[in-house]
Amino acid sequence: MPINILMPALSPTMEKGNLAKWLKKEGDKVRSGDIIAEIGAADPLARLNVLAANGSRLLATTWGDTLSILRRDDGVVLASEPYDDAPDWDDVPDRHLVEVTAAGVTMSPLNQGHSRKGSR
């Protein structure tokens, strides 16, 4: 049964994108979390923020764009920029991965030379 897969906008002004390579073939099984395609950016300096969640953790990246984090008693807020003047907002450094789980928040630098090929 065919399933429509929508490509997320890579920037607020993005109207179309380039599919660089399919990593799954027609008929292949696809599980939640599998990488199914590589998306090519026309501009190597393109601004990219990616957000993914599976119910138990939230992953977000920054790449040439801003991302802010607010740790609250009732959870964590990730936003492209602070939505209020609260002094507790922290900027996520450029080219970093943020992981939010029940155990807390971690940030780690993205490896620019690493490219994940194929499926899991």
C-alpha atoms as a PDB file:
ATOM      1  CA  MET A   1       0.000   0.000   0.000  1.00  0.00           C
ATOM      2  CA  PRO A   2       1.572   3.336  -1.033  1.00  0.00           C
ATOM      3  CA  ILE A   3       2.282   5.893   1.688  1.00  0.00           C
ATOM      4  CA  ASN A   4       2.867   9.582   1.043  1.00  0.00           C
ATOM      5  CA  ILE A   5       6.099  10.823   2.579  1.00  0.00           C
ATOM      6  CA  LEU A   6       6.398  14.558   3.030  1.00  0.00           C
ATOM      7  CA  MET A   7       9.818  16.204   2.952  1.00  0.00           C
ATOM      8  CA  PRO A   8      10.207  18.696   5.805  1.00  0.00           C
ATOM      9  CA  ALA A   9      11.155  22.267   4.938  1.00  0.00           C
ATOM     10  CA  LEU A  10      14.860  22.822   5.544  1.00  0.00           C
ATOM     11  CA  SER A  11      14.348  26.551   6.059  1.00  0.00           C
ATOM     12  CA  PRO A  12      11.393  28.901   6.635  1.00  0.00           C
ATOM     13  CA  THR A  13      11.498  30.020   2.995  1.00  0.00           C
ATOM     14  CA  MET A  14      11.986  26.598   1.390  1.00  0.00           C
ATOM     15  CA  GLU A  15       9.406  25.823  -1.274  1.00  0.00           C
ATOM     16  CA  LYS A  16      11.061  22.825  -2.928  1.00  0.00           C
ATOM     17  CA  GLY A  17      13.965  20.493  -2.290  1.00  0.00           C
ATOM     18  CA  ASN A  18      16.163  17.984  -4.045  1.00  0.00           C
ATOM     19  CA  LEU A  19      16.055  14.297  -3.300  1.00  0.00           C
ATOM     20  CA  ALA A  20      19.703  13.284  -3.638  1.00  0.00           C
ATOM     21  CA  LYS A  21      19.380   9.513  -3.220  1.00  0.00           C
ATOM     22  CA  TRP A  22      16.832   6.898  -2.188  1.00  0.00           C
ATOM     23  CA  LEU A  23      18.247   4.551   0.442  1.00  0.00           C
ATOM     24  CA  LYS A  24      15.275   2.172   0.346  1.00  0.00           C
ATOM     25  CA  LYS A  25      13.980   0.337  -2.710  1.00  0.00           C
ATOM     26  CA  GLU A  26      10.359  -0.262  -3.607  1.00  0.00           C
ATOM     27  CA  GLY A  27       9.112  -3.155  -1.503  1.00  0.00           C
ATOM     28  CA  ASP A  28      11.764  -2.773   1.235  1.00  0.00           C
ATOM     29  CA  LYS A  29      10.451  -2.844   4.783  1.00  0.00           C
ATOM     30  CA  VAL A  30      10.674   0.515   6.530  1.00  0.00           C
ATOM     31  CA  ARG A  31      10.745   0.746  10.307  1.00  0.00           C
ATOM     32  CA  SER A  32      10.320   3.812  12.450  1.00  0.00           C
ATOM     33  CA  GLY A  33      13.647   5.647  12.589  1.00  0.00           C
ATOM     34  CA  ASP A  34      15.000   4.224   9.313  1.00  0.00           C
ATOM     35  CA  ILE A  35      16.717   6.663   6.998  1.00  0.00           C
ATOM     36  CA  ILE A  36      14.917   6.364   3.683  1.00  0.00           C
ATOM     37  CA  ALA A  37      16.544   9.072   1.573  1.00  0.00           C
ATOM     38  CA  GLU A  38      19.276  11.688   1.421  1.00  0.00           C
ATOM     39  CA  ILE A  39      18.147  15.233   0.810  1.00  0.00           C
ATOM     40  CA  GLY A  40      20.538  17.455  -1.098  1.00  0.00           C
ATOM     41  CA  ALA A  41      20.873  21.109  -0.254  1.00  0.00           C
ATOM     42  CA  ALA A  42      21.453  23.447  -3.164  1.00  0.00           C
ATOM     43  CA  ASP A  43      23.616  25.636  -0.967  1.00  0.00           C
ATOM     44  CA  PRO A  44      26.344  23.973   1.128  1.00  0.00           C
ATOM     45  CA  LEU A  45      25.895  26.796   3.634  1.00  0.00           C
ATOM     46  CA  ALA A  46      22.148  26.138   3.903  1.00  0.00           C
ATOM     47  CA  ARG A  47      20.582  26.678   7.302  1.00  0.00           C
ATOM     48  CA  LEU A  48      19.279  23.407   8.697  1.00  0.00           C
ATOM     49  CA  ASN A  49      17.445  22.557  11.870  1.00  0.00           C
ATOM     50  CA  VAL A  50      16.075  19.049  12.191  1.00  0.00           C
ATOM     51  CA  LEU A  51      13.653  17.866  14.855  1.00  0.00           C
ATOM     52  CA  ALA A  52      12.725  14.229  15.507  1.00  0.00           C
ATOM     53  CA  ALA A  53      10.875  12.492  18.333  1.00  0.00           C
ATOM     54  CA  ASN A  54       9.746   8.963  19.144  1.00  0.00           C
ATOM     55  CA  GLY A  55       7.784   9.470  22.363  1.00  0.00           C
ATOM     56  CA  SER A  56      10.671   8.820  24.734  1.00  0.00           C
ATOM     57  CA  ARG A  57      13.299  11.196  23.382  1.00  0.00           C
ATOM     58  CA  LEU A  58      13.562  14.320  21.302  1.00  0.00           C
ATOM     59  CA  LEU A  59      16.474  15.063  18.981  1.00  0.00           C
ATOM     60  CA  ALA A  60      17.202  18.437  17.417  1.00  0.00           C
ATOM     61  CA  THR A  61      20.113  19.829  15.444  1.00  0.00           C
ATOM     62  CA  THR A  62      21.448  23.232  14.558  1.00  0.00           C
ATOM     63  CA  TRP A  63      23.380  23.936  11.381  1.00  0.00           C
ATOM     64  CA  GLY A  64      23.803  27.586  10.429  1.00  0.00           C
ATOM     65  CA  ASP A  65      20.623  28.568  12.261  1.00  0.00           C
ATOM     66  CA  THR A  66      19.570  29.307  15.818  1.00  0.00           C
ATOM     67  CA  LEU A  67      18.057  26.997  18.389  1.00  0.00           C
ATOM     68  CA  SER A  68      17.258  27.879  21.983  1.00  0.00           C
ATOM     69  CA  ILE A  69      16.466  25.654  24.936  1.00  0.00           C
ATOM     70  CA  LEU A  70      14.518  26.401  28.106  1.00  0.00           C
ATOM     71  CA  ARG A  71      14.675  23.914  30.983  1.00  0.00           C
ATOM     72  CA  ARG A  72      11.530  24.140  33.124  1.00  0.00           C
ATOM     73  CA  ASP A  73      10.226  22.185  36.115  1.00  0.00           C
ATOM     74  CA  ASP A  74       7.575  20.562  33.912  1.00  0.00           C
ATOM     75  CA  GLY A  75       9.810  19.807  30.911  1.00  0.00           C
ATOM     76  CA  VAL A  76      12.061  21.251  28.247  1.00  0.00           C
ATOM     77  CA  VAL A  77      11.212  23.711  25.479  1.00  0.00           C
ATOM     78  CA  LEU A  78      13.153  23.802  22.197  1.00  0.00           C
ATOM     79  CA  ALA A  79      12.471  26.763  19.944  1.00  0.00           C
ATOM     80  CA  SER A  80      14.146  28.469  16.998  1.00  0.00           C
ATOM     81  CA  GLU A  81      14.371  31.529  19.224  1.00  0.00           C
ATOM     82  CA  PRO A  82      13.146  32.447  22.720  1.00  0.00           C
ATOM     83  CA  TYR A  83       9.439  33.250  22.715  1.00  0.00           C
ATOM     84  CA  ASP A  84       9.628  35.392  25.861  1.00  0.00           C
ATOM     85  CA  ASP A  85      12.132  37.403  27.897  1.00  0.00           C
ATOM     86  CA  ALA A  86      12.791  34.704  30.510  1.00  0.00           C
ATOM     87  CA  PRO A  87      16.474  34.804  31.494  1.00  0.00           C
ATOM     88  CA  ASP A  88      16.758  30.988  31.562  1.00  0.00           C
ATOM     89  CA  TRP A  89      16.914  30.498  27.787  1.00  0.00           C
ATOM     90  CA  ASP A  90      20.194  28.989  26.559  1.00  0.00           C
ATOM     91  CA  ASP A  91      21.453  29.133  22.975  1.00  0.00           C
ATOM     92  CA  VAL A  92      22.413  25.807  21.442  1.00  0.00           C
ATOM     93  CA  PRO A  93      25.817  26.150  19.763  1.00  0.00           C
ATOM     94  CA  ASP A  94      25.840  25.906  15.971  1.00  0.00           C
ATOM     95  CA  ARG A  95      26.349  22.423  14.497  1.00  0.00           C
ATOM     96  CA  HIS A  96      25.249  20.591  17.628  1.00  0.00           C
ATOM     97  CA  LEU A  97      22.853  17.773  18.413  1.00  0.00           C
ATOM     98  CA  VAL A  98      20.493  18.196  21.357  1.00  0.00           C
ATOM     99  CA  GLU A  99      18.973  15.090  22.937  1.00  0.00           C
ATOM    100  CA  VAL A 100      16.166  15.431  25.475  1.00  0.00           C
ATOM    101  CA  THR A 101      15.143  12.380  27.509  1.00  0.00           C
ATOM    102  CA  ALA A 102      13.601  11.795  30.914  1.00  0.00           C
ATOM    103  CA  ALA A 103      17.177  11.699  32.253  1.00  0.00           C
ATOM    104  CA  GLY A 104      17.938  15.231  31.060  1.00  0.00           C
ATOM    105  CA  VAL A 105      19.423  17.218  28.191  1.00  0.00           C
ATOM    106  CA  THR A 106      22.698  16.542  26.401  1.00  0.00           C
ATOM    107  CA  MET A 107      24.401  18.524  23.643  1.00  0.00           C
ATOM    108  CA  SER A 108      27.164  17.207  21.420  1.00  0.00           C
ATOM    109  CA  PRO A 109      28.929  18.576  18.340  1.00  0.00           C
ATOM    110  CA  LEU A 110      27.911  17.212  14.946  1.00  0.00           C
ATOM    111  CA  ASN A 111      30.687  15.502  13.010  1.00  0.00           C
ATOM    112  CA  GLN A 112      30.905  17.342   9.680  1.00  0.00           C
ATOM    113  CA  GLY A 113      32.860  14.553   7.996  1.00  0.00           C
ATOM    114  CA  HIS A 114      30.461  11.729   8.904  1.00  0.00           C
ATOM    115  CA  SER A 115      27.711  10.739   6.485  1.00  0.00           C
ATOM    116  CA  ARG A 116      25.317   7.962   7.419  1.00  0.00           C
ATOM    117  CA  LYS A 117      24.718   5.735   4.396  1.00  0.00           C
ATOM    118  CA  GLY A 118      22.181   2.972   3.963  1.00  0.00           C
ATOM    119  CA  SER A 119      19.564   1.765   6.353  1.00  0.00           C
ATOM    120  CA  ARG A 120      19.777   0.275   9.810  1.00  0.00           C
END
